[in-house]
Each structure stands twice: as C-alpha cells, then as structure tokens.
PDB file of N, CA and C in Angstrom:
ATOM      1  N   MET A   1     127.596 104.279  52.757  1.00  0.00           N
ATOM      2  CA  MET A   1     129.071 103.913  53.275  1.00  0.00           C
ATOM      3  C   MET A   1     129.010 102.620  54.246  1.00  0.00           C
ATOM      4  N   PHE A   2     127.951 102.648  54.948  1.00  0.00           N
ATOM      5  CA  PHE A   2     127.562 101.453  55.696  1.00  0.00           C
ATOM      6  C   PHE A   2     126.531 100.548  55.218  1.00  0.00           C
ATOM      7  N   ARG A   3     126.907  99.389  54.675  1.00  0.00           N
ATOM      8  CA  ARG A   3     125.869  98.593  53.922  1.00  0.00           C
ATOM      9  C   ARG A   3     125.383  97.422  54.696  1.00  0.00           C
ATOM     10  N   ARG A   4     125.762  97.049  55.839  1.00  0.00           N
ATOM     11  CA  ARG A   4     125.425  95.803  56.369  1.00  0.00           C
ATOM     12  C   ARG A   4     124.339  95.840  57.239  1.00  0.00           C
ATOM     13  N   ARG A   5     123.234  95.136  57.012  1.00  0.00           N
ATOM     14  CA  ARG A   5     122.019  95.094  57.784  1.00  0.00           C
ATOM     15  C   ARG A   5     122.020  94.050  58.661  1.00  0.00           C
ATOM     16  N   ASP A   6     121.443  94.315  59.775  1.00  0.00           N
ATOM     17  CA  ASP A   6     121.176  93.381  60.904  1.00  0.00           C
ATOM     18  C   ASP A   6     119.809  92.808  60.892  1.00  0.00           C
ATOM     19  N   GLU A   7     119.483  91.822  60.117  1.00  0.00           N
ATOM     20  CA  GLU A   7     118.116  91.369  59.985  1.00  0.00           C
ATOM     21  C   GLU A   7     117.617  90.732  61.370  1.00  0.00           C
ATOM     22  N   GLN A   8     118.393  90.296  62.048  1.00  0.00           N
ATOM     23  CA  GLN A   8     118.073  89.607  63.453  1.00  0.00           C
ATOM     24  C   GLN A   8     117.639  90.816  64.305  1.00  0.00           C
ATOM     25  N   LEU A   9     118.569  91.854  64.371  1.00  0.00           N
ATOM     26  CA  LEU A   9     118.248  93.136  65.256  1.00  0.00           C
ATOM     27  C   LEU A   9     116.916  93.585  64.804  1.00  0.00           C
ATOM     28  N   GLU A  10     116.669  93.780  63.468  1.00  0.00           N
ATOM     29  CA  GLU A  10     115.460  94.530  63.029  1.00  0.00           C
ATOM     30  C   GLU A  10     114.221  93.577  63.420  1.00  0.00           C
ATOM     31  N   MET A  11     114.300  92.260  63.480  1.00  0.00           N
ATOM     32  CA  MET A  11     113.426  91.223  63.732  1.00  0.00           C
ATOM     33  C   MET A  11     113.068  91.523  65.275  1.00  0.00           C
ATOM     34  N   ARG A  12     114.157  91.448  66.087  1.00  0.00           N
ATOM     35  CA  ARG A  12     114.015  91.569  67.478  1.00  0.00           C
ATOM     36  C   ARG A  12     113.316  92.882  67.922  1.00  0.00           C
ATOM     37  N   LEU A  13     113.603  94.086  67.179  1.00  0.00           N
ATOM     38  CA  LEU A  13     112.983  95.298  67.490  1.00  0.00           C
ATOM     39  C   LEU A  13     111.716  95.279  67.199  1.00  0.00           C
ATOM     40  N   GLN A  14     111.172  94.658  65.958  1.00  0.00           N
ATOM     41  CA  GLN A  14     109.957  94.690  65.452  1.00  0.00           C
ATOM     42  C   GLN A  14     109.056  93.788  66.416  1.00  0.00           C
ATOM     43  N   ASN A  15     109.621  92.692  66.855  1.00  0.00           N
ATOM     44  CA  ASN A  15     108.852  91.796  67.806  1.00  0.00           C
ATOM     45  C   ASN A  15     108.677  92.679  69.127  1.00  0.00           C
ATOM     46  N   ALA A  16     109.394  93.409  69.623  1.00  0.00           N
ATOM     47  CA  ALA A  16     109.411  94.267  70.771  1.00  0.00           C
ATOM     48  C   ALA A  16     108.066  95.085  70.530  1.00  0.00           C
ATOM     49  N   LEU A  17     108.123  95.894  69.455  1.00  0.00           N
ATOM     50  CA  LEU A  17     107.175  96.734  69.155  1.00  0.00           C
ATOM     51  C   LEU A  17     105.854  96.077  69.057  1.00  0.00           C
ATOM     52  N   ASP A  18     105.949  94.903  68.329  1.00  0.00           N
ATOM     53  CA  ASP A  18     104.416  94.259  68.313  1.00  0.00           C
ATOM     54  C   ASP A  18     103.905  93.661  69.550  1.00  0.00           C
ATOM     55  N   SER A  19     104.889  93.496  70.552  1.00  0.00           N
ATOM     56  CA  SER A  19     104.361  92.910  71.794  1.00  0.00           C
ATOM     57  C   SER A  19     104.024  94.021  72.786  1.00  0.00           C
ATOM     58  N   GLY A  20     104.071  95.290  72.366  1.00  0.00           N
ATOM     59  CA  GLY A  20     103.674  96.431  73.070  1.00  0.00           C
ATOM     60  C   GLY A  20     104.833  97.061  73.860  1.00  0.00           C
ATOM     61  N   CYS A  21     106.073  96.714  73.525  1.00  0.00           N
ATOM     62  CA  CYS A  21     107.254  97.226  74.347  1.00  0.00           C
ATOM     63  C   CYS A  21     107.630  98.416  73.708  1.00  0.00           C
ATOM     64  N   SER A  22     108.377  99.165  74.242  1.00  0.00           N
ATOM     65  CA  SER A  22     108.853 100.559  73.570  1.00  0.00           C
ATOM     66  C   SER A  22     110.368 100.359  72.868  1.00  0.00           C
ATOM     67  N   VAL A  23     110.777 100.941  71.896  1.00  0.00           N
ATOM     68  CA  VAL A  23     111.971 101.099  71.346  1.00  0.00           C
ATOM     69  C   VAL A  23     112.457 102.567  71.234  1.00  0.00           C
ATOM     70  N   TRP A  24     113.322 102.757  72.112  1.00  0.00           N
ATOM     71  CA  TRP A  24     113.855 104.385  72.077  1.00  0.00           C
ATOM     72  C   TRP A  24     114.867 104.423  71.265  1.00  0.00           C
ATOM     73  N   VAL A  25     115.085 105.566  70.445  1.00  0.00           N
ATOM     74  CA  VAL A  25     116.092 105.913  69.350  1.00  0.00           C
ATOM     75  C   VAL A  25     116.918 107.085  70.136  1.00  0.00           C
ATOM     76  N   VAL A  26     118.285 106.812  70.217  1.00  0.00           N
ATOM     77  CA  VAL A  26     119.083 107.855  70.618  1.00  0.00           C
ATOM     78  C   VAL A  26     120.278 108.112  69.761  1.00  0.00           C
ATOM     79  N   GLY A  27     120.735 109.359  69.593  1.00  0.00           N
ATOM     80  CA  GLY A  27     121.849 109.603  68.768  1.00  0.00           C
ATOM     81  C   GLY A  27     122.786 110.423  69.480  1.00  0.00           C
ATOM     82  N   ASP A  28     123.869 110.355  69.002  1.00  0.00           N
ATOM     83  CA  ASP A  28     125.168 111.270  69.143  1.00  0.00           C
ATOM     84  C   ASP A  28     125.398 111.472  70.634  1.00  0.00           C
ATOM     85  N   ILE A  29     125.753 110.317  71.233  1.00  0.00           N
ATOM     86  CA  ILE A  29     126.168 110.386  72.700  1.00  0.00           C
ATOM     87  C   ILE A  29     127.395 110.843  73.049  1.00  0.00           C
ATOM     88  N   HIS A  30     128.512 110.688  72.058  1.00  0.00           N
ATOM     89  CA  HIS A  30     129.721 111.291  71.912  1.00  0.00           C
ATOM     90  C   HIS A  30     130.551 111.220  73.332  1.00  0.00           C
ATOM     91  N   GLY A  31     130.341 110.050  73.936  1.00  0.00           N
ATOM     92  CA  GLY A  31     131.347 109.732  75.056  1.00  0.00           C
ATOM     93  C   GLY A  31     130.752 110.474  76.481  1.00  0.00           C
ATOM     94  N   HIS A  32     129.533 110.871  76.544  1.00  0.00           N
ATOM     95  CA  HIS A  32     129.051 111.670  77.632  1.00  0.00           C
ATOM     96  C   HIS A  32     128.154 110.692  78.452  1.00  0.00           C
ATOM     97  N   LEU A  33     129.036 109.801  79.120  1.00  0.00           N
ATOM     98  CA  LEU A  33     128.444 108.690  79.948  1.00  0.00           C
ATOM     99  C   LEU A  33     127.509 109.171  80.920  1.00  0.00           C
ATOM    100  N   ASP A  34     127.698 110.367  81.625  1.00  0.00           N
ATOM    101  CA  ASP A  34     126.731 110.677  82.856  1.00  0.00           C
ATOM    102  C   ASP A  34     125.496 111.153  81.991  1.00  0.00           C
ATOM    103  N   ALA A  35     125.384 111.939  81.111  1.00  0.00           N
ATOM    104  CA  ALA A  35     124.172 112.182  80.277  1.00  0.00           C
ATOM    105  C   ALA A  35     123.361 111.010  79.843  1.00  0.00           C
ATOM    106  N   PHE A  36     124.292 109.956  79.300  1.00  0.00           N
ATOM    107  CA  PHE A  36     123.614 108.682  78.813  1.00  0.00           C
ATOM    108  C   PHE A  36     122.842 108.008  79.846  1.00  0.00           C
ATOM    109  N   GLU A  37     123.658 107.680  80.971  1.00  0.00           N
ATOM    110  CA  GLU A  37     123.057 107.126  82.251  1.00  0.00           C
ATOM    111  C   GLU A  37     121.776 107.858  82.762  1.00  0.00           C
ATOM    112  N   ASN A  38     121.986 109.268  82.844  1.00  0.00           N
ATOM    113  CA  ASN A  38     120.759 109.897  83.162  1.00  0.00           C
ATOM    114  C   ASN A  38     119.409 109.656  82.142  1.00  0.00           C
ATOM    115  N   LEU A  39     119.769 109.795  80.909  1.00  0.00           N
ATOM    116  CA  LEU A  39     118.691 109.518  79.950  1.00  0.00           C
ATOM    117  C   LEU A  39     118.073 108.183  80.222  1.00  0.00           C
ATOM    118  N   LEU A  40     118.935 107.075  80.349  1.00  0.00           N
ATOM    119  CA  LEU A  40     118.417 105.703  80.535  1.00  0.00           C
ATOM    120  C   LEU A  40     117.500 105.675  81.742  1.00  0.00           C
ATOM    121  N   GLU A  41     117.963 106.391  82.786  1.00  0.00           N
ATOM    122  CA  GLU A  41     117.175 106.287  84.088  1.00  0.00           C
ATOM    123  C   GLU A  41     115.840 107.042  83.889  1.00  0.00           C
ATOM    124  N   GLN A  42     115.767 108.212  83.112  1.00  0.00           N
ATOM    125  CA  GLN A  42     114.496 109.013  82.860  1.00  0.00           C
ATOM    126  C   GLN A  42     113.595 108.069  81.934  1.00  0.00           C
ATOM    127  N   LEU A  43     114.076 107.317  81.209  1.00  0.00           N
ATOM    128  CA  LEU A  43     113.246 106.506  80.180  1.00  0.00           C
ATOM    129  C   LEU A  43     112.410 105.298  81.033  1.00  0.00           C
ATOM    130  N   GLU A  44     112.920 104.946  82.169  1.00  0.00           N
ATOM    131  CA  GLU A  44     112.285 104.093  83.006  1.00  0.00           C
ATOM    132  C   GLU A  44     112.000 102.792  82.211  1.00  0.00           C
ATOM    133  N   LEU A  45     113.111 102.177  81.681  1.00  0.00           N
ATOM    134  CA  LEU A  45     112.783 101.040  80.692  1.00  0.00           C
ATOM    135  C   LEU A  45     112.360  99.933  81.409  1.00  0.00           C
ATOM    136  N   ALA A  46     111.297  99.299  80.864  1.00  0.00           N
ATOM    137  CA  ALA A  46     110.577  98.153  81.457  1.00  0.00           C
ATOM    138  C   ALA A  46     111.297  96.820  80.751  1.00  0.00           C
ATOM    139  N   PRO A  47     110.995  95.631  81.360  1.00  0.00           N
ATOM    140  CA  PRO A  47     111.568  94.551  80.621  1.00  0.00           C
ATOM    141  C   PRO A  47     110.943  94.386  79.433  1.00  0.00           C
ATOM    142  N   GLY A  48     111.691  94.163  78.331  1.00  0.00           N
ATOM    143  CA  GLY A  48     111.576  94.089  77.049  1.00  0.00           C
ATOM    144  C   GLY A  48     111.632  95.196  76.090  1.00  0.00           C
ATOM    145  N   ASP A  49     111.840  96.420  76.650  1.00  0.00           N
ATOM    146  CA  ASP A  49     112.264  97.478  76.075  1.00  0.00           C
ATOM    147  C   ASP A  49     113.647  97.742  75.574  1.00  0.00           C
ATOM    148  N   HIS A  50     113.663  98.402  74.515  1.00  0.00           N
ATOM    149  CA  HIS A  50     115.276  98.311  73.864  1.00  0.00           C
ATOM    150  C   HIS A  50     115.408  99.705  73.579  1.00  0.00           C
ATOM    151  N   VAL A  51     116.722 100.253  73.437  1.00  0.00           N
ATOM    152  CA  VAL A  51     117.258 101.361  73.223  1.00  0.00           C
ATOM    153  C   VAL A  51     118.267 101.207  71.880  1.00  0.00           C
ATOM    154  N   LEU A  52     117.885 102.066  70.785  1.00  0.00           N
ATOM    155  CA  LEU A  52     118.847 101.968  69.650  1.00  0.00           C
ATOM    156  C   LEU A  52     119.549 103.182  69.522  1.00  0.00           C
ATOM    157  N   CYS A  53     121.022 102.975  69.654  1.00  0.00           N
ATOM    158  CA  CYS A  53     121.838 104.197  69.547  1.00  0.00           C
ATOM    159  C   CYS A  53     122.349 104.439  67.869  1.00  0.00           C
ATOM    160  N   LEU A  54     122.046 105.555  67.544  1.00  0.00           N
ATOM    161  CA  LEU A  54     122.191 105.668  66.217  1.00  0.00           C
ATOM    162  C   LEU A  54     123.559 106.179  65.839  1.00  0.00           C
ATOM    163  N   GLY A  55     124.535 105.522  66.539  1.00  0.00           N
ATOM    164  CA  GLY A  55     126.112 106.113  66.191  1.00  0.00           C
ATOM    165  C   GLY A  55     126.530 106.991  67.067  1.00  0.00           C
ATOM    166  N   ASP A  56     127.747 107.400  66.726  1.00  0.00           N
ATOM    167  CA  ASP A  56     128.416 108.431  67.540  1.00  0.00           C
ATOM    168  C   ASP A  56     128.474 108.319  69.078  1.00  0.00           C
ATOM    169  N   LEU A  57     128.717 107.093  69.439  1.00  0.00           N
ATOM    170  CA  LEU A  57     128.963 106.776  70.815  1.00  0.00           C
ATOM    171  C   LEU A  57     130.096 107.454  71.582  1.00  0.00           C
ATOM    172  N   ILE A  58     131.291 107.586  70.781  1.00  0.00           N
ATOM    173  CA  ILE A  58     132.437 108.058  71.022  1.00  0.00           C
ATOM    174  C   ILE A  58     132.809 109.353  70.631  1.00  0.00           C
ATOM    175  N   ASP A  59     133.997 109.881  71.430  1.00  0.00           N
ATOM    176  CA  ASP A  59     134.593 111.170  70.854  1.00  0.00           C
ATOM    177  C   ASP A  59     133.812 112.517  71.472  1.00  0.00           C
ATOM    178  N   ARG A  60     134.662 113.475  71.899  1.00  0.00           N
ATOM    179  CA  ARG A  60     134.221 114.746  72.310  1.00  0.00           C
ATOM    180  C   ARG A  60     133.951 114.569  73.977  1.00  0.00           C
ATOM    181  N   GLY A  61     132.997 113.634  74.376  1.00  0.00           N
ATOM    182  CA  GLY A  61     132.965 113.699  75.740  1.00  0.00           C
ATOM    183  C   GLY A  61     134.124 112.986  76.665  1.00  0.00           C
ATOM    184  N   GLN A  62     133.905 112.898  77.910  1.00  0.00           N
ATOM    185  CA  GLN A  62     135.044 112.486  78.789  1.00  0.00           C
ATOM    186  C   GLN A  62     135.274 110.923  78.892  1.00  0.00           C
ATOM    187  N   ASP A  63     134.169 110.269  78.539  1.00  0.00           N
ATOM    188  CA  ASP A  63     134.202 108.865  78.974  1.00  0.00           C
ATOM    189  C   ASP A  63     133.733 108.028  77.790  1.00  0.00           C
ATOM    190  N   SER A  64     134.250 107.909  76.566  1.00  0.00           N
ATOM    191  CA  SER A  64     133.858 107.224  75.473  1.00  0.00           C
ATOM    192  C   SER A  64     133.876 105.777  75.857  1.00  0.00           C
ATOM    193  N   ALA A  65     134.994 105.362  76.571  1.00  0.00           N
ATOM    194  CA  ALA A  65     135.058 103.878  76.827  1.00  0.00           C
ATOM    195  C   ALA A  65     133.865 103.574  77.727  1.00  0.00           C
ATOM    196  N   GLY A  66     133.621 104.410  78.754  1.00  0.00           N
ATOM    197  CA  GLY A  66     132.511 103.985  79.630  1.00  0.00           C
ATOM    198  C   GLY A  66     131.094 104.063  78.923  1.00  0.00           C
ATOM    199  N   VAL A  67     131.054 104.737  77.843  1.00  0.00           N
ATOM    200  CA  VAL A  67     129.803 104.677  77.207  1.00  0.00           C
ATOM    201  C   VAL A  67     129.734 103.182  76.339  1.00  0.00           C
ATOM    202  N   VAL A  68     130.819 102.851  75.758  1.00  0.00           N
ATOM    203  CA  VAL A  68     130.921 101.555  75.085  1.00  0.00           C
ATOM    204  C   VAL A  68     130.640 100.345  76.023  1.00  0.00           C
ATOM    205  N   ARG A  69     131.417 100.441  77.162  1.00  0.00           N
ATOM    206  CA  ARG A  69     131.172  99.373  78.120  1.00  0.00           C
ATOM    207  C   ARG A  69     129.691  99.283  78.585  1.00  0.00           C
ATOM    208  N   ARG A  70     128.851 100.431  78.943  1.00  0.00           N
ATOM    209  CA  ARG A  70     127.672 100.498  79.254  1.00  0.00           C
ATOM    210  C   ARG A  70     126.675  99.932  78.520  1.00  0.00           C
ATOM    211  N   VAL A  71     126.860 100.114  76.978  1.00  0.00           N
ATOM    212  CA  VAL A  71     125.970  99.601  75.820  1.00  0.00           C
ATOM    213  C   VAL A  71     126.391  98.208  75.705  1.00  0.00           C
ATOM    214  N   ARG A  72     127.677  97.792  75.924  1.00  0.00           N
ATOM    215  CA  ARG A  72     128.084  96.262  75.738  1.00  0.00           C
ATOM    216  C   ARG A  72     127.431  95.486  76.937  1.00  0.00           C
ATOM    217  N   GLN A  73     127.130  96.188  78.150  1.00  0.00           N
ATOM    218  CA  GLN A  73     126.670  95.324  79.177  1.00  0.00           C
ATOM    219  C   GLN A  73     125.176  95.108  79.196  1.00  0.00           C
ATOM    220  N   SER A  74     124.430  95.654  78.278  1.00  0.00           N
ATOM    221  CA  SER A  74     123.021  95.252  78.197  1.00  0.00           C
ATOM    222  C   SER A  74     122.577  94.594  77.033  1.00  0.00           C
ATOM    223  N   GLU A  75     121.629  93.702  77.007  1.00  0.00           N
ATOM    224  CA  GLU A  75     121.328  93.032  75.945  1.00  0.00           C
ATOM    225  C   GLU A  75     120.064  93.895  75.092  1.00  0.00           C
ATOM    226  N   ASN A  76     119.691  94.872  75.847  1.00  0.00           N
ATOM    227  CA  ASN A  76     118.438  95.578  75.176  1.00  0.00           C
ATOM    228  C   ASN A  76     119.044  96.965  74.814  1.00  0.00           C
ATOM    229  N   ILE A  77     120.189  97.193  74.712  1.00  0.00           N
ATOM    230  CA  ILE A  77     120.913  98.580  74.097  1.00  0.00           C
ATOM    231  C   ILE A  77     121.677  98.103  72.933  1.00  0.00           C
ATOM    232  N   HIS A  78     121.306  98.583  71.815  1.00  0.00           N
ATOM    233  CA  HIS A  78     121.834  98.162  70.486  1.00  0.00           C
ATOM    234  C   HIS A  78     122.581  99.448  69.762  1.00  0.00           C
ATOM    235  N   THR A  79     123.478  99.204  68.846  1.00  0.00           N
ATOM    236  CA  THR A  79     124.016 100.470  68.260  1.00  0.00           C
ATOM    237  C   THR A  79     124.183 100.254  66.668  1.00  0.00           C
ATOM    238  N   ILE A  80     124.249 101.377  66.013  1.00  0.00           N
ATOM    239  CA  ILE A  80     124.295 101.491  64.565  1.00  0.00           C
ATOM    240  C   ILE A  80     125.688 102.203  64.508  1.00  0.00           C
ATOM    241  N   MET A  81     126.678 101.857  63.683  1.00  0.00           N
ATOM    242  CA  MET A  81     127.847 102.496  63.612  1.00  0.00           C
ATOM    243  C   MET A  81     127.726 104.023  63.147  1.00  0.00           C
ATOM    244  N   GLY A  82     128.254 104.907  63.803  1.00  0.00           N
ATOM    245  CA  GLY A  82     128.442 106.232  63.260  1.00  0.00           C
ATOM    246  C   GLY A  82     129.604 106.580  62.610  1.00  0.00           C
ATOM    247  N   ASN A  83     129.731 107.636  62.025  1.00  0.00           N
ATOM    248  CA  ASN A  83     131.024 108.153  61.408  1.00  0.00           C
ATOM    249  C   ASN A  83     132.074 108.292  62.441  1.00  0.00           C
ATOM    250  N   HIS A  84     132.001 108.596  63.558  1.00  0.00           N
ATOM    251  CA  HIS A  84     133.043 108.691  64.673  1.00  0.00           C
ATOM    252  C   HIS A  84     133.549 107.125  64.811  1.00  0.00           C
ATOM    253  N   GLU A  85     132.679 106.115  65.013  1.00  0.00           N
ATOM    254  CA  GLU A  85     133.111 104.856  65.074  1.00  0.00           C
ATOM    255  C   GLU A  85     133.693 104.232  63.782  1.00  0.00           C
ATOM    256  N   TRP A  86     133.481 104.821  62.725  1.00  0.00           N
ATOM    257  CA  TRP A  86     133.843 104.425  61.284  1.00  0.00           C
ATOM    258  C   TRP A  86     135.428 104.935  61.287  1.00  0.00           C
ATOM    259  N   PHE A  87     135.458 106.248  61.593  1.00  0.00           N
ATOM    260  CA  PHE A  87     136.733 106.937  61.441  1.00  0.00           C
ATOM    261  C   PHE A  87     137.865 106.489  62.620  1.00  0.00           C
ATOM    262  N   ALA A  88     137.470 106.204  63.783  1.00  0.00           N
ATOM    263  CA  ALA A  88     138.450 106.165  64.916  1.00  0.00           C
ATOM    264  C   ALA A  88     139.461 105.015  64.627  1.00  0.00           C
ATOM    265  N   PRO A  89     139.278 103.772  64.063  1.00  0.00           N
ATOM    266  CA  PRO A  89     140.343 102.865  63.782  1.00  0.00           C
ATOM    267  C   PRO A  89     141.289 103.404  62.691  1.00  0.00           C
ATOM    268  N   ARG A  90     140.598 104.081  61.764  1.00  0.00           N
ATOM    269  CA  ARG A  90     141.344 104.504  60.715  1.00  0.00           C
ATOM    270  C   ARG A  90     142.380 105.551  60.884  1.00  0.00           C
ATOM    271  N   VAL A  91     142.134 106.432  61.998  1.00  0.00           N
ATOM    272  CA  VAL A  91     143.052 107.597  62.354  1.00  0.00           C
ATOM    273  C   VAL A  91     144.232 107.120  62.845  1.00  0.00           C
ATOM    274  N   VAL A  92     144.306 105.916  63.377  1.00  0.00           N
ATOM    275  CA  VAL A  92     145.483 105.381  63.817  1.00  0.00           C
ATOM    276  C   VAL A  92     146.479 104.702  62.839  1.00  0.00           C
ATOM    277  N   ARG A  93     145.774 104.470  61.653  1.00  0.00           N
ATOM    278  CA  ARG A  93     146.480 103.772  60.372  1.00  0.00           C
ATOM    279  C   ARG A  93     147.247 105.095  59.868  1.00  0.00           C
ATOM    280  N   PRO A  94     148.549 104.947  59.387  1.00  0.00           N
ATOM    281  CA  PRO A  94     149.097 105.950  58.809  1.00  0.00           C
ATOM    282  C   PRO A  94     148.724 106.467  57.415  1.00  0.00           C
ATOM    283  N   ARG A  95     148.033 105.702  56.533  1.00  0.00           N
ATOM    284  CA  ARG A  95     147.553 105.973  55.456  1.00  0.00           C
ATOM    285  C   ARG A  95     146.490 107.142  55.460  1.00  0.00           C
ATOM    286  N   VAL A  96     145.780 107.186  56.656  1.00  0.00           N
ATOM    287  CA  VAL A  96     144.666 108.327  56.752  1.00  0.00           C
ATOM    288  C   VAL A  96     145.202 109.615  57.578  1.00  0.00           C
ATOM    289  N   ARG A  97     145.133 110.546  56.953  1.00  0.00           N
ATOM    290  CA  ARG A  97     145.524 111.887  57.415  1.00  0.00           C
ATOM    291  C   ARG A  97     144.724 112.305  58.575  1.00  0.00           C
ATOM    292  N   GLY A  98     145.188 112.947  59.707  1.00  0.00           N
ATOM    293  CA  GLY A  98     144.345 113.305  60.814  1.00  0.00           C
ATOM    294  C   GLY A  98     143.507 114.556  60.353  1.00  0.00           C
ATOM    295  N   SER A  99     143.923 115.314  59.488  1.00  0.00           N
ATOM    296  CA  SER A  99     142.883 116.276  58.818  1.00  0.00           C
ATOM    297  C   SER A  99     141.517 115.700  58.496  1.00  0.00           C
ATOM    298  N   ARG A 100     141.642 114.530  57.885  1.00  0.00           N
ATOM    299  CA  ARG A 100     140.340 113.975  57.492  1.00  0.00           C
ATOM    300  C   ARG A 100     139.382 113.837  58.567  1.00  0.00           C
ATOM    301  N   TRP A 101     139.974 113.223  59.837  1.00  0.00           N
ATOM    302  CA  TRP A 101     139.116 113.093  60.844  1.00  0.00           C
ATOM    303  C   TRP A 101     138.701 114.437  61.379  1.00  0.00           C
ATOM    304  N   GLN A 102     139.579 115.239  61.541  1.00  0.00           N
ATOM    305  CA  GLN A 102     139.109 116.704  62.026  1.00  0.00           C
ATOM    306  C   GLN A 102     138.152 117.312  61.318  1.00  0.00           C
ATOM    307  N   HIS A 103     138.113 117.106  59.914  1.00  0.00           N
ATOM    308  CA  HIS A 103     137.053 117.676  59.010  1.00  0.00           C
ATOM    309  C   HIS A 103     135.614 117.182  59.429  1.00  0.00           C
ATOM    310  N   HIS A 104     135.622 115.911  59.880  1.00  0.00           N
ATOM    311  CA  HIS A 104     134.349 115.295  60.146  1.00  0.00           C
ATOM    312  C   HIS A 104     133.927 115.804  61.750  1.00  0.00           C
ATOM    313  N   ARG A 105     134.728 116.239  62.518  1.00  0.00           N
ATOM    314  CA  ARG A 105     134.557 116.559  63.897  1.00  0.00           C
ATOM    315  C   ARG A 105     133.881 117.871  64.014  1.00  0.00           C
ATOM    316  N   ARG A 106     133.851 118.647  62.812  1.00  0.00           N
ATOM    317  CA  ARG A 106     133.272 120.064  62.981  1.00  0.00           C
ATOM    318  C   ARG A 106     131.610 120.072  63.081  1.00  0.00           C
TER     319      ARG A 106
END
C-alpha cells in the first residue's frame, strides 16, 4: 500500500548506527502524548540518537495533534505512515464511507 522509500532517512539512520548511536523504534502511539513524552524521557536520548515511529501516531488518544507537533519539533524523530495516517484524510472525503475507517479501528 505504501511504496515510497526515503533513502536519505535510511542512510541517516544507518550512519547513526555505524557511529555508535542508538535508533529506537516505536509503534502505535495513537495520540497518547503523555505516554510518548514519558517514553522519550526514559530513553535518555543522547545527541545523535534517533527515534523511528512506525506509524499510527494519531487516533484514539486525547492529543493526536500534540503527538504530531512533538514529532515535528525534533530532527531526530522520524515517522513512517501508518494505516491511521493513511485513512484520516480520506475519511473527510465523501467517496470513502466512515464504516471503512471504523473497520480498521478494531
């Protein structure tokens, strides 16, 4: 479904690993900003470390917009689009039924 590769990001993450930095992989934040902030604090990120979010930043939690803002504030937090990000703009379009979105929320 998602075919676009970001070769620059791949190279950046590989360079971080090659230089001894950490790359942390996180998935399914779902709008839970407090939990995400808590996780970032517990990781004790060093300069050069990266966090890769495997999609589903939004939906379900109380602060999806806050999660997106937090991710955009950092040069070392990266995202891969998840199904929730893919469906969100399509739900507001009339040609996509809401039930299709609801199906993927289960």
